Amino acid sequence: MRLRHLALPVRDRERSRAFYETYFGFAAGPATEYPDGTLIIRTADGFDLALHPDPGHGPAPAFLHFGFTCAGRDEVTRIQARLRSGGVEIVEEDDEDDLVSFKCLDPDGYRIEVYWETV
């Protein structure tokens, strides 16, 4: 068994779609739209992100986050620089011998962690 998708309520579906396609690789294959307005976008390795329109969606609790793991510290640094240059807010950073990570905010305020750690 493995986790295959995440469903998020979003205020502006197209804005969220552009964000995840631009910075996190959710542009593999065609998107799927459902009658209720949910849009599914995918990564090349088969993870689905369901974006459901919810104009009244409020802020998520600060601890709530999801993460992307990287192959090494250089990849984390490269992604962080790209997000920062795109104006994405970085809200937390950690750089230690066995862990490099940062958290940023998506257009709806969801915290996204990007990290590498020794296991």
N, C-alpha and C. Protein backbone atom coordinates (compact mmCIF):
# COMPACT_ATOMS: atom_id res chain seq x y z
N MET A 1 0.84 -1.17 0.00
CA MET A 1 0.00 0.00 0.00
C MET A 1 0.89 1.24 0.00
N ARG A 2 0.48 2.27 -0.73
CA ARG A 2 1.22 3.53 -0.72
C ARG A 2 0.27 4.70 -0.94
N LEU A 3 0.66 5.84 -0.43
CA LEU A 3 -0.13 7.05 -0.58
C LEU A 3 -0.04 7.52 -2.03
N ARG A 4 -1.19 7.76 -2.67
CA ARG A 4 -1.22 8.08 -4.10
C ARG A 4 -1.78 9.46 -4.43
N HIS A 5 -2.53 10.06 -3.49
CA HIS A 5 -3.06 11.39 -3.83
C HIS A 5 -3.33 12.22 -2.58
N LEU A 6 -3.45 13.51 -2.83
CA LEU A 6 -3.77 14.48 -1.80
C LEU A 6 -4.85 15.38 -2.38
N ALA A 7 -5.89 15.65 -1.59
CA ALA A 7 -6.97 16.53 -2.04
C ALA A 7 -6.94 17.81 -1.21
N LEU A 8 -6.93 18.95 -1.90
CA LEU A 8 -6.86 20.24 -1.23
C LEU A 8 -8.01 21.15 -1.66
N PRO A 9 -8.70 21.77 -0.70
CA PRO A 9 -9.63 22.82 -1.08
C PRO A 9 -8.82 24.09 -1.39
N VAL A 10 -9.13 24.75 -2.48
CA VAL A 10 -8.37 25.93 -2.91
C VAL A 10 -9.33 27.05 -3.31
N ARG A 11 -8.89 28.30 -3.10
CA ARG A 11 -9.73 29.44 -3.46
C ARG A 11 -9.76 29.67 -4.97
N ASP A 12 -8.64 29.45 -5.64
CA ASP A 12 -8.54 29.70 -7.08
C ASP A 12 -7.82 28.50 -7.71
N ARG A 13 -8.60 27.64 -8.30
CA ARG A 13 -8.07 26.38 -8.83
C ARG A 13 -6.97 26.59 -9.86
N GLU A 14 -7.13 27.52 -10.77
CA GLU A 14 -6.14 27.74 -11.82
C GLU A 14 -4.85 28.33 -11.26
N ARG A 15 -4.97 29.19 -10.28
CA ARG A 15 -3.77 29.76 -9.63
C ARG A 15 -2.99 28.64 -8.93
N SER A 16 -3.70 27.76 -8.23
CA SER A 16 -3.04 26.64 -7.56
C SER A 16 -2.44 25.67 -8.57
N ARG A 17 -3.16 25.42 -9.64
CA ARG A 17 -2.64 24.55 -10.68
C ARG A 17 -1.32 25.08 -11.23
N ALA A 18 -1.28 26.37 -11.56
CA ALA A 18 -0.06 26.98 -12.10
C ALA A 18 1.09 26.87 -11.10
N PHE A 19 0.81 27.09 -9.82
CA PHE A 19 1.84 27.01 -8.79
C PHE A 19 2.43 25.60 -8.72
N TYR A 20 1.59 24.58 -8.62
CA TYR A 20 2.09 23.21 -8.48
C TYR A 20 2.73 22.68 -9.76
N GLU A 21 2.24 23.11 -10.90
CA GLU A 21 2.88 22.72 -12.15
C GLU A 21 4.23 23.40 -12.31
N THR A 22 4.32 24.66 -11.95
CA THR A 22 5.56 25.42 -12.11
C THR A 22 6.66 24.95 -11.16
N TYR A 23 6.34 24.75 -9.90
CA TYR A 23 7.37 24.50 -8.89
C TYR A 23 7.51 23.06 -8.42
N PHE A 24 6.48 22.23 -8.61
CA PHE A 24 6.53 20.89 -8.03
C PHE A 24 6.26 19.75 -9.00
N GLY A 25 6.31 20.00 -10.30
CA GLY A 25 6.27 18.93 -11.29
C GLY A 25 4.93 18.27 -11.52
N PHE A 26 3.83 18.94 -11.19
CA PHE A 26 2.51 18.35 -11.43
C PHE A 26 2.01 18.71 -12.82
N ALA A 27 2.71 18.23 -13.83
CA ALA A 27 2.30 18.52 -15.20
C ALA A 27 2.44 17.31 -16.10
N ALA A 28 2.42 16.13 -15.50
CA ALA A 28 2.58 14.90 -16.29
C ALA A 28 1.23 14.46 -16.83
N GLY A 29 1.11 14.48 -18.13
CA GLY A 29 -0.13 14.02 -18.75
C GLY A 29 -1.25 15.03 -18.59
N PRO A 30 -2.37 14.72 -19.20
CA PRO A 30 -3.50 15.65 -19.13
C PRO A 30 -4.12 15.65 -17.74
N ALA A 31 -4.64 16.81 -17.36
CA ALA A 31 -5.37 16.92 -16.10
C ALA A 31 -6.78 16.34 -16.31
N THR A 32 -7.40 15.94 -15.21
CA THR A 32 -8.75 15.40 -15.26
C THR A 32 -9.66 16.32 -14.46
N GLU A 33 -10.76 16.74 -15.09
CA GLU A 33 -11.71 17.60 -14.40
C GLU A 33 -13.00 16.83 -14.14
N TYR A 34 -13.54 17.00 -12.93
CA TYR A 34 -14.76 16.31 -12.53
C TYR A 34 -15.93 17.28 -12.47
N PRO A 35 -17.16 16.77 -12.56
CA PRO A 35 -18.34 17.64 -12.57
C PRO A 35 -18.45 18.59 -11.37
N ASP A 36 -17.89 18.21 -10.23
CA ASP A 36 -17.97 19.09 -9.05
C ASP A 36 -16.91 20.19 -9.07
N GLY A 37 -16.11 20.26 -10.15
CA GLY A 37 -15.09 21.28 -10.29
C GLY A 37 -13.71 20.86 -9.84
N THR A 38 -13.59 19.67 -9.28
CA THR A 38 -12.28 19.17 -8.85
C THR A 38 -11.41 18.92 -10.08
N LEU A 39 -10.17 19.34 -9.98
CA LEU A 39 -9.18 19.14 -11.04
C LEU A 39 -8.06 18.27 -10.47
N ILE A 40 -7.72 17.19 -11.16
CA ILE A 40 -6.63 16.30 -10.75
C ILE A 40 -5.44 16.56 -11.66
N ILE A 41 -4.30 16.91 -11.04
CA ILE A 41 -3.05 17.05 -11.78
C ILE A 41 -2.07 16.02 -11.23
N ARG A 42 -1.09 15.62 -12.04
CA ARG A 42 -0.25 14.48 -11.70
C ARG A 42 1.23 14.76 -11.87
N THR A 43 2.02 13.99 -11.10
CA THR A 43 3.46 13.99 -11.29
C THR A 43 3.82 12.81 -12.19
N ALA A 44 5.04 12.80 -12.69
CA ALA A 44 5.50 11.72 -13.56
C ALA A 44 5.53 10.38 -12.85
N ASP A 45 5.70 10.39 -11.51
CA ASP A 45 5.74 9.11 -10.79
C ASP A 45 4.37 8.69 -10.28
N GLY A 46 3.30 9.37 -10.74
CA GLY A 46 1.95 8.89 -10.48
C GLY A 46 1.26 9.41 -9.23
N PHE A 47 1.76 10.49 -8.64
CA PHE A 47 1.07 11.08 -7.50
C PHE A 47 0.05 12.08 -8.02
N ASP A 48 -1.18 11.99 -7.53
CA ASP A 48 -2.27 12.85 -7.97
C ASP A 48 -2.56 13.92 -6.92
N LEU A 49 -2.75 15.14 -7.39
CA LEU A 49 -3.14 16.24 -6.52
C LEU A 49 -4.51 16.72 -6.99
N ALA A 50 -5.49 16.59 -6.10
CA ALA A 50 -6.86 17.00 -6.41
C ALA A 50 -7.08 18.41 -5.87
N LEU A 51 -7.39 19.33 -6.75
CA LEU A 51 -7.64 20.72 -6.38
C LEU A 51 -9.14 20.96 -6.49
N HIS A 52 -9.77 21.22 -5.35
CA HIS A 52 -11.22 21.40 -5.32
C HIS A 52 -11.55 22.85 -5.00
N PRO A 53 -12.32 23.52 -5.87
CA PRO A 53 -12.63 24.92 -5.63
C PRO A 53 -13.45 25.12 -4.36
N ASP A 54 -12.96 26.03 -3.53
CA ASP A 54 -13.64 26.38 -2.29
C ASP A 54 -13.30 27.85 -1.99
N PRO A 55 -14.03 28.78 -2.60
CA PRO A 55 -13.71 30.21 -2.47
C PRO A 55 -13.66 30.70 -1.03
N GLY A 56 -14.35 30.04 -0.12
CA GLY A 56 -14.36 30.46 1.27
C GLY A 56 -13.32 29.79 2.13
N HIS A 57 -12.42 29.05 1.51
CA HIS A 57 -11.41 28.31 2.26
C HIS A 57 -10.56 29.25 3.11
N GLY A 58 -10.41 28.90 4.38
CA GLY A 58 -9.63 29.72 5.31
C GLY A 58 -8.24 29.15 5.51
N PRO A 59 -7.45 29.78 6.36
CA PRO A 59 -6.07 29.34 6.59
C PRO A 59 -6.02 27.98 7.31
N ALA A 60 -5.01 27.22 6.97
CA ALA A 60 -4.78 25.92 7.61
C ALA A 60 -3.99 26.12 8.90
N PRO A 61 -4.13 25.21 9.85
CA PRO A 61 -3.31 25.31 11.07
C PRO A 61 -1.82 25.29 10.72
N ALA A 62 -1.00 25.98 11.49
CA ALA A 62 0.43 26.13 11.18
C ALA A 62 1.17 24.80 11.08
N PHE A 63 0.78 23.81 11.88
CA PHE A 63 1.50 22.53 11.83
C PHE A 63 1.16 21.73 10.57
N LEU A 64 -0.02 21.92 10.02
CA LEU A 64 -0.44 21.15 8.84
C LEU A 64 0.50 21.44 7.68
N HIS A 65 1.12 20.40 7.16
CA HIS A 65 2.00 20.55 6.00
C HIS A 65 2.15 19.21 5.30
N PHE A 66 2.68 19.26 4.10
CA PHE A 66 3.05 18.04 3.38
C PHE A 66 4.40 18.29 2.76
N GLY A 67 5.13 17.22 2.43
CA GLY A 67 6.51 17.40 2.04
C GLY A 67 6.93 16.63 0.81
N PHE A 68 8.00 17.16 0.23
CA PHE A 68 8.67 16.55 -0.91
C PHE A 68 10.11 16.25 -0.50
N THR A 69 10.55 15.02 -0.66
CA THR A 69 11.91 14.66 -0.33
C THR A 69 12.80 14.82 -1.56
N CYS A 70 14.05 15.16 -1.33
CA CYS A 70 15.01 15.37 -2.41
C CYS A 70 16.17 14.39 -2.29
N ALA A 71 16.92 14.24 -3.38
CA ALA A 71 18.04 13.30 -3.41
C ALA A 71 19.26 13.80 -2.65
N GLY A 72 19.35 15.11 -2.44
CA GLY A 72 20.50 15.65 -1.73
C GLY A 72 20.30 17.10 -1.36
N ARG A 73 21.23 17.61 -0.57
CA ARG A 73 21.11 18.99 -0.09
C ARG A 73 21.16 20.00 -1.22
N ASP A 74 21.93 19.72 -2.29
CA ASP A 74 22.00 20.65 -3.41
C ASP A 74 20.65 20.82 -4.11
N GLU A 75 19.90 19.73 -4.20
CA GLU A 75 18.57 19.81 -4.82
C GLU A 75 17.64 20.68 -3.98
N VAL A 76 17.70 20.54 -2.66
CA VAL A 76 16.88 21.37 -1.76
C VAL A 76 17.23 22.84 -1.97
N THR A 77 18.50 23.15 -1.99
CA THR A 77 18.97 24.53 -2.16
C THR A 77 18.52 25.10 -3.50
N ARG A 78 18.62 24.30 -4.55
CA ARG A 78 18.23 24.74 -5.90
C ARG A 78 16.73 25.04 -5.97
N ILE A 79 15.91 24.17 -5.38
CA ILE A 79 14.46 24.38 -5.40
C ILE A 79 14.10 25.61 -4.57
N GLN A 80 14.74 25.77 -3.42
CA GLN A 80 14.47 26.92 -2.58
C GLN A 80 14.80 28.23 -3.32
N ALA A 81 15.92 28.27 -4.01
CA ALA A 81 16.31 29.46 -4.75
C ALA A 81 15.29 29.76 -5.86
N ARG A 82 14.81 28.74 -6.53
CA ARG A 82 13.83 28.92 -7.60
C ARG A 82 12.51 29.48 -7.05
N LEU A 83 12.05 28.91 -5.94
CA LEU A 83 10.82 29.41 -5.32
C LEU A 83 10.99 30.86 -4.86
N ARG A 84 12.11 31.13 -4.21
CA ARG A 84 12.37 32.47 -3.70
C ARG A 84 12.40 33.48 -4.86
N SER A 85 13.06 33.12 -5.96
CA SER A 85 13.14 34.04 -7.10
C SER A 85 11.77 34.25 -7.75
N GLY A 86 10.86 33.29 -7.55
CA GLY A 86 9.49 33.43 -8.06
C GLY A 86 8.57 34.18 -7.10
N GLY A 87 9.12 34.64 -5.98
CA GLY A 87 8.33 35.40 -5.03
C GLY A 87 7.54 34.57 -4.04
N VAL A 88 7.84 33.27 -3.98
CA VAL A 88 7.13 32.39 -3.05
C VAL A 88 7.70 32.61 -1.65
N GLU A 89 6.80 32.73 -0.67
CA GLU A 89 7.22 33.00 0.70
C GLU A 89 7.82 31.76 1.36
N ILE A 90 9.04 31.88 1.85
CA ILE A 90 9.71 30.83 2.62
C ILE A 90 9.47 31.17 4.09
N VAL A 91 8.90 30.22 4.85
CA VAL A 91 8.52 30.52 6.23
C VAL A 91 9.37 29.80 7.28
N GLU A 92 10.19 28.87 6.83
CA GLU A 92 11.02 28.12 7.78
C GLU A 92 12.20 27.53 7.02
N GLU A 93 13.37 27.50 7.67
CA GLU A 93 14.57 26.92 7.06
C GLU A 93 15.34 26.14 8.11
N ASP A 94 15.99 25.06 7.68
CA ASP A 94 16.81 24.27 8.58
C ASP A 94 17.99 23.72 7.78
N ASP A 95 19.20 23.90 8.29
CA ASP A 95 20.40 23.41 7.61
C ASP A 95 21.34 22.81 8.65
N GLU A 96 21.31 21.50 8.72
CA GLU A 96 22.14 20.76 9.66
C GLU A 96 22.90 19.69 8.88
N ASP A 97 23.80 18.99 9.57
CA ASP A 97 24.59 17.96 8.89
C ASP A 97 23.73 16.86 8.29
N ASP A 98 22.67 16.47 9.00
CA ASP A 98 21.86 15.34 8.56
C ASP A 98 20.47 15.73 8.04
N LEU A 99 20.19 17.04 7.94
CA LEU A 99 18.89 17.51 7.47
C LEU A 99 19.02 18.90 6.87
N VAL A 100 18.50 19.05 5.66
CA VAL A 100 18.36 20.36 5.04
C VAL A 100 16.91 20.45 4.60
N SER A 101 16.22 21.51 5.04
CA SER A 101 14.81 21.63 4.69
C SER A 101 14.38 23.08 4.71
N PHE A 102 13.25 23.31 4.07
CA PHE A 102 12.58 24.60 4.18
C PHE A 102 11.10 24.36 3.98
N LYS A 103 10.32 25.30 4.44
CA LYS A 103 8.88 25.27 4.20
C LYS A 103 8.50 26.57 3.53
N CYS A 104 7.63 26.44 2.54
CA CYS A 104 7.10 27.60 1.84
C CYS A 104 5.58 27.54 1.88
N LEU A 105 4.96 28.62 1.44
CA LEU A 105 3.50 28.67 1.41
C LEU A 105 3.01 28.64 -0.03
N ASP A 106 1.98 27.83 -0.26
CA ASP A 106 1.34 27.83 -1.57
C ASP A 106 0.35 29.00 -1.62
N PRO A 107 -0.34 29.22 -2.74
CA PRO A 107 -1.24 30.37 -2.85
C PRO A 107 -2.38 30.40 -1.81
N ASP A 108 -2.71 29.25 -1.22
CA ASP A 108 -3.77 29.20 -0.21
C ASP A 108 -3.22 29.14 1.21
N GLY A 109 -1.91 29.26 1.35
CA GLY A 109 -1.31 29.26 2.68
C GLY A 109 -0.95 27.89 3.21
N TYR A 110 -1.08 26.83 2.39
CA TYR A 110 -0.63 25.51 2.83
C TYR A 110 0.89 25.52 2.92
N ARG A 111 1.40 24.92 3.97
CA ARG A 111 2.86 24.81 4.14
C ARG A 111 3.34 23.57 3.40
N ILE A 112 4.37 23.78 2.62
CA ILE A 112 4.99 22.69 1.85
C ILE A 112 6.43 22.59 2.30
N GLU A 113 6.82 21.40 2.73
CA GLU A 113 8.21 21.18 3.14
C GLU A 113 8.97 20.51 2.01
N VAL A 114 10.18 20.98 1.77
CA VAL A 114 11.09 20.37 0.82
C VAL A 114 12.33 20.03 1.63
N TYR A 115 12.75 18.75 1.59
CA TYR A 115 13.81 18.34 2.49
C TYR A 115 14.67 17.20 1.96
N TRP A 116 15.84 17.11 2.55
CA TRP A 116 16.74 15.97 2.40
C TRP A 116 17.25 15.64 3.78
N GLU A 117 17.30 14.37 4.10
CA GLU A 117 17.86 13.97 5.37
C GLU A 117 18.55 12.61 5.24
N THR A 118 19.56 12.40 6.06
CA THR A 118 20.18 11.09 6.09
C THR A 118 19.24 10.17 6.84
N VAL A 119 19.19 8.96 6.42
CA VAL A 119 18.25 8.03 7.07
C VAL A 119 19.02 6.96 7.80
